Amino acid sequence: MTYLLGLTGGIGMGKSTTAQMFRDLGHPVWDADEAVHRLYAAGGAAVAPVAAAFPDALREGAIDRTALKAALASDPRALARLERIVHPLVAADRMDFIERHRDRDLVILDIPLLFEGGYQDQVDGVAVVSTDAERQRQRVLARPGMTEETFQMILARQMPDTEKRARADWIIPTDTLEAARAAVERICTEVSNA
């Protein structure tokens, strides 16, 4: 029986690093953001329907995310329209990944907006990556092109860390790599012994 672990956490909490730790232990990880990038790339399943709805976002056979963001910013109803197109394609990609790894004991589903999107009911357990607010802020503002304004806008769309932690089955502290690695190993052991 495959155990589906939802991995989530706010921006700058260390989710990508933590997901890699699961990969390093040999567990398959599906990444929602990577799935969207694949769907938007040339030949991706989202290119034609997204281009039909947002023609200015099509560049060289792929969806240009910067142009798409501009289109979304100019129309308050555009995000809902985009989500109706993309969410079913992302869900199909996720289900295909799960089916391909049905022989595995543990499969990680890296979903940034897991609680916000109501996906917690589609996994067997949830691990939340977390660190203190100041460390999170420093990590995010160190990213190229990131501004305080953009950071605050992203935070406003995400469930507060305290609420995610309260709803999680496991909390992975990412203050240090050692603490995160120990938590990841503990989760893997607990799942395999369940």
Protein backbone atom coordinates (compact mmCIF):
# COMPACT_ATOMS: atom_id res chain seq x y z
CA MET A 1 0.00 0.00 0.00
CA THR A 2 1.46 3.34 -1.07
CA TYR A 3 1.44 6.07 1.56
CA LEU A 4 0.84 9.50 -0.02
CA LEU A 5 2.57 12.23 1.95
CA GLY A 6 1.61 15.81 1.21
CA LEU A 7 4.59 18.14 1.65
CA THR A 8 3.78 21.80 2.03
CA GLY A 9 4.92 25.06 3.58
CA GLY A 10 4.96 28.76 2.90
CA ILE A 11 7.37 30.57 0.63
CA GLY A 12 10.95 30.51 1.90
CA MET A 13 10.30 27.78 4.45
CA GLY A 14 12.67 25.28 2.79
CA LYS A 15 10.28 22.98 0.96
CA SER A 16 12.45 22.43 -2.12
CA THR A 17 15.46 21.50 0.01
CA THR A 18 13.31 19.18 2.11
CA ALA A 19 11.78 17.54 -0.97
CA GLN A 20 15.31 16.80 -2.18
CA MET A 21 16.02 15.07 1.13
CA PHE A 22 13.14 12.68 0.46
CA ARG A 23 14.52 12.08 -3.06
CA ASP A 24 17.97 11.42 -1.62
CA LEU A 25 16.42 8.67 0.51
CA GLY A 26 14.99 7.09 -2.65
CA HIS A 27 11.39 8.28 -2.41
CA PRO A 28 9.65 9.62 -5.53
CA VAL A 29 8.58 13.26 -5.27
CA TRP A 30 5.94 14.89 -7.45
CA ASP A 31 6.37 18.67 -7.56
CA ALA A 32 3.30 20.78 -8.38
CA ASP A 33 5.40 23.73 -9.58
CA GLU A 34 7.47 21.49 -11.87
CA ALA A 35 4.24 20.00 -13.25
CA VAL A 36 2.97 23.47 -14.18
CA HIS A 37 6.30 24.29 -15.86
CA ARG A 38 6.03 21.06 -17.92
CA LEU A 39 2.43 21.84 -18.87
CA TYR A 40 3.40 25.37 -19.98
CA ALA A 41 6.49 24.28 -21.93
CA ALA A 42 6.42 23.76 -25.71
CA GLY A 43 4.37 20.65 -26.38
CA GLY A 44 2.79 20.79 -22.90
CA ALA A 45 -0.87 19.94 -22.46
CA ALA A 46 -1.73 23.42 -21.15
CA VAL A 47 -0.24 25.39 -24.04
CA ALA A 48 -3.18 25.26 -26.45
CA PRO A 49 -6.02 25.85 -23.95
CA VAL A 50 -4.16 28.59 -22.06
CA ALA A 51 -3.14 30.28 -25.33
CA ALA A 52 -6.77 30.16 -26.47
CA ALA A 53 -7.85 31.98 -23.30
CA PHE A 54 -4.79 34.27 -23.05
CA PRO A 55 -3.35 34.70 -26.57
CA ASP A 56 -0.74 37.26 -25.47
CA ALA A 57 0.88 34.65 -23.20
CA LEU A 58 1.95 32.42 -26.10
CA ARG A 59 5.63 32.80 -27.04
CA GLU A 60 7.49 30.40 -29.32
CA GLY A 61 5.06 27.55 -28.74
CA ALA A 62 5.10 27.84 -24.94
CA ILE A 63 3.29 29.85 -22.29
CA ASP A 64 5.36 32.81 -21.15
CA ARG A 65 4.71 33.11 -17.41
CA THR A 66 5.61 36.81 -17.29
CA ALA A 67 3.14 37.62 -20.07
CA LEU A 68 0.54 35.40 -18.38
CA LYS A 69 1.00 37.26 -15.07
CA ALA A 70 0.46 40.55 -16.89
CA ALA A 71 -2.78 39.22 -18.39
CA LEU A 72 -3.93 38.04 -14.96
CA ALA A 73 -3.14 41.42 -13.40
CA SER A 74 -5.31 43.25 -15.92
CA ASP A 75 -8.48 41.18 -15.33
CA PRO A 76 -9.80 40.21 -11.87
CA ARG A 77 -11.71 37.22 -13.33
CA ALA A 78 -8.72 35.88 -15.28
CA LEU A 79 -7.19 33.82 -12.45
CA ALA A 80 -10.36 31.79 -11.98
CA ARG A 81 -10.48 31.20 -15.75
CA LEU A 82 -6.85 30.06 -15.76
CA GLU A 83 -7.40 27.76 -12.78
CA ARG A 84 -10.35 26.07 -14.53
CA ILE A 85 -7.98 25.24 -17.40
CA VAL A 86 -4.83 24.30 -15.51
CA HIS A 87 -6.04 22.59 -12.32
CA PRO A 88 -7.52 19.52 -14.07
CA LEU A 89 -4.30 19.14 -16.09
CA VAL A 90 -2.17 19.35 -12.94
CA ALA A 91 -4.46 16.82 -11.22
CA ALA A 92 -4.09 14.43 -14.15
CA ASP A 93 -0.30 14.82 -14.06
CA ARG A 94 -0.33 14.08 -10.30
CA MET A 95 -2.54 10.99 -10.72
CA ASP A 96 -0.30 9.69 -13.50
CA PHE A 97 2.74 10.10 -11.22
CA ILE A 98 1.00 8.26 -8.37
CA GLU A 99 0.00 5.40 -10.69
CA ARG A 100 3.57 5.06 -11.97
CA HIS A 101 4.82 4.72 -8.38
CA ARG A 102 2.10 2.46 -6.91
CA ASP A 103 4.77 -0.13 -6.09
CA ARG A 104 6.49 2.29 -3.66
CA ASP A 105 5.85 2.44 0.07
CA LEU A 106 6.06 6.24 0.24
CA VAL A 107 5.31 8.84 -2.42
CA ILE A 108 5.76 12.55 -1.69
CA LEU A 109 3.41 15.11 -3.25
CA ASP A 110 5.05 18.55 -3.02
CA ILE A 111 2.08 20.94 -3.13
CA PRO A 112 2.78 24.54 -2.02
CA LEU A 113 -0.90 25.44 -1.56
CA LEU A 114 -2.00 22.05 -0.23
CA PHE A 115 -4.33 23.37 2.48
CA GLU A 116 -5.40 26.43 0.51
CA GLY A 117 -6.45 24.19 -2.40
CA GLY A 118 -8.18 21.61 -0.19
CA TYR A 119 -5.81 18.81 -1.24
CA GLN A 120 -5.25 17.50 2.30
CA ASP A 121 -8.10 15.03 1.76
CA GLN A 122 -6.22 13.47 -1.17
CA VAL A 123 -3.18 12.43 0.88
CA ASP A 124 -2.67 10.05 3.79
CA GLY A 125 -0.69 12.54 5.87
CA VAL A 126 0.76 16.04 5.72
CA ALA A 127 4.25 17.29 6.56
CA VAL A 128 4.72 21.05 6.90
CA VAL A 129 8.16 22.63 6.53
CA SER A 130 8.61 25.57 8.85
CA THR A 131 11.07 28.08 10.23
CA ASP A 132 10.77 31.37 12.07
CA ALA A 133 9.34 34.42 10.29
CA GLU A 134 12.61 36.36 10.17
CA ARG A 135 14.58 33.47 8.64
CA GLN A 136 11.76 32.98 6.11
CA ARG A 137 11.84 36.69 5.20
CA GLN A 138 15.64 36.68 4.78
CA ARG A 139 15.52 33.61 2.52
CA VAL A 140 12.82 35.06 0.31
CA LEU A 141 14.32 38.54 0.00
CA ALA A 142 17.66 36.97 -0.99
CA ARG A 143 16.02 35.60 -4.15
CA PRO A 144 16.82 37.48 -7.38
CA GLY A 145 14.20 40.08 -8.22
CA MET A 146 12.22 39.61 -4.99
CA THR A 147 10.89 42.70 -3.27
CA GLU A 148 9.26 43.21 0.12
CA GLU A 149 6.01 44.12 -1.67
CA THR A 150 5.98 40.90 -3.70
CA PHE A 151 6.85 38.87 -0.60
CA GLN A 152 3.94 40.39 1.33
CA MET A 153 1.58 39.78 -1.60
CA ILE A 154 2.59 36.09 -1.71
CA LEU A 155 2.23 35.75 2.07
CA ALA A 156 -1.27 37.22 1.89
CA ARG A 157 -2.34 34.39 -0.46
CA GLN A 158 -0.91 31.67 1.79
CA MET A 159 -2.38 30.21 4.95
CA PRO A 160 -0.41 31.43 8.00
CA ASP A 161 2.39 29.11 9.12
CA THR A 162 0.84 28.67 12.58
CA GLU A 163 -2.35 27.33 11.02
CA LYS A 164 -0.48 24.98 8.69
CA ARG A 165 1.53 23.66 11.63
CA ALA A 166 -1.65 23.08 13.64
CA ARG A 167 -3.15 21.02 10.80
CA ALA A 168 -0.02 18.99 10.01
CA ASP A 169 0.70 15.39 10.96
CA TRP A 170 4.43 16.22 10.99
CA ILE A 171 6.38 19.46 11.24
CA ILE A 172 9.79 19.59 9.60
CA PRO A 173 11.89 22.36 11.16
CA THR A 174 14.18 23.87 8.55
CA ASP A 175 16.23 26.13 10.82
CA THR A 176 19.18 23.83 10.04
CA LEU A 177 19.78 21.16 7.42
CA GLU A 178 20.50 18.66 10.20
CA ALA A 179 17.14 19.28 11.91
CA ALA A 180 15.28 18.99 8.60
CA ARG A 181 17.13 15.80 7.63
CA ALA A 182 16.41 14.21 11.03
CA ALA A 183 12.70 15.03 10.71
CA VAL A 184 12.57 13.62 7.16
CA GLU A 185 14.25 10.40 8.28
CA ARG A 186 11.86 10.11 11.24
CA ILE A 187 8.83 10.49 8.94
CA CYS A 188 10.15 7.82 6.57
CA THR A 189 10.73 5.44 9.49
CA GLU A 190 7.28 6.07 10.98
CA VAL A 191 5.55 5.52 7.64
CA SER A 192 7.45 2.32 6.93
CA ASN A 193 6.66 0.98 10.43
CA ALA A 194 2.96 1.87 10.28
